[in-house]
Amino acid sequence: MASLMAAANAFGLMALATADGNHELIA
């Protein structure tokens, strides 16, 4: 369950960074 939440959180951060255009958040 925890891993699933972590994956969803990571995906959300990626989507947020892409929408914001700031790819430094991922690196």
N, C-alpha and C. Protein backbone atom coordinates (compact mmCIF):
# COMPACT_ATOMS: atom_id res chain seq x y z
N MET A 1 0.84 -1.20 0.00
CA MET A 1 0.00 0.00 0.00
C MET A 1 0.88 1.26 0.00
N ALA A 2 1.92 1.22 0.83
CA ALA A 2 2.79 2.40 0.92
C ALA A 2 3.50 2.66 -0.41
N SER A 3 3.92 1.58 -1.06
CA SER A 3 4.62 1.74 -2.34
C SER A 3 3.69 2.32 -3.40
N LEU A 4 2.43 1.93 -3.32
CA LEU A 4 1.46 2.44 -4.28
C LEU A 4 1.26 3.94 -4.09
N MET A 5 1.19 4.36 -2.84
CA MET A 5 1.03 5.78 -2.55
C MET A 5 2.26 6.56 -2.98
N ALA A 6 3.43 5.97 -2.78
CA ALA A 6 4.68 6.63 -3.16
C ALA A 6 4.75 6.80 -4.68
N ALA A 7 4.31 5.77 -5.41
CA ALA A 7 4.32 5.84 -6.87
C ALA A 7 3.36 6.92 -7.35
N ALA A 8 2.19 6.99 -6.73
CA ALA A 8 1.21 8.01 -7.11
C ALA A 8 1.75 9.40 -6.80
N ASN A 9 2.45 9.53 -5.68
CA ASN A 9 3.02 10.82 -5.30
C ASN A 9 4.10 11.25 -6.29
N ALA A 10 4.95 10.31 -6.68
CA ALA A 10 6.01 10.60 -7.63
C ALA A 10 5.43 11.00 -8.98
N PHE A 11 4.37 10.29 -9.40
CA PHE A 11 3.73 10.60 -10.68
C PHE A 11 3.09 11.98 -10.63
N GLY A 12 2.50 12.30 -9.48
CA GLY A 12 1.88 13.62 -9.30
C GLY A 12 2.92 14.72 -9.37
N LEU A 13 4.08 14.48 -8.77
CA LEU A 13 5.15 15.48 -8.79
C LEU A 13 5.65 15.68 -10.21
N MET A 14 5.78 14.57 -10.95
CA MET A 14 6.24 14.66 -12.34
C MET A 14 5.25 15.45 -13.18
N ALA A 15 3.96 15.17 -13.00
CA ALA A 15 2.93 15.87 -13.76
C ALA A 15 2.94 17.35 -13.40
N LEU A 16 3.14 17.65 -12.11
CA LEU A 16 3.16 19.03 -11.66
C LEU A 16 4.36 19.77 -12.25
N ALA A 17 5.52 19.10 -12.25
CA ALA A 17 6.73 19.72 -12.78
C ALA A 17 6.59 19.95 -14.28
N THR A 18 5.97 19.00 -14.98
CA THR A 18 5.79 19.14 -16.42
C THR A 18 4.84 20.29 -16.74
N ALA A 19 3.77 20.40 -15.95
CA ALA A 19 2.80 21.46 -16.18
C ALA A 19 3.41 22.81 -15.86
N ASP A 20 4.32 22.84 -14.88
CA ASP A 20 4.95 24.09 -14.48
C ASP A 20 6.13 24.42 -15.39
N GLY A 21 6.63 23.41 -16.10
CA GLY A 21 7.75 23.64 -17.00
C GLY A 21 9.08 23.66 -16.26
N ASN A 22 9.08 23.26 -14.98
CA ASN A 22 10.32 23.25 -14.21
C ASN A 22 10.77 21.82 -14.01
N HIS A 23 11.66 21.35 -14.89
CA HIS A 23 12.08 19.95 -14.84
C HIS A 23 13.20 19.74 -13.82
N GLU A 24 13.64 20.82 -13.16
CA GLU A 24 14.68 20.67 -12.14
C GLU A 24 14.13 19.97 -10.91
N LEU A 25 12.79 19.97 -10.77
CA LEU A 25 12.16 19.33 -9.63
C LEU A 25 12.40 17.83 -9.65
N ILE A 26 12.45 17.24 -10.86
CA ILE A 26 12.62 15.79 -10.98
C ILE A 26 14.06 15.41 -10.66
N ALA A 27 15.01 16.22 -11.17
CA ALA A 27 16.43 15.92 -10.95
C ALA A 27 16.88 16.40 -9.58
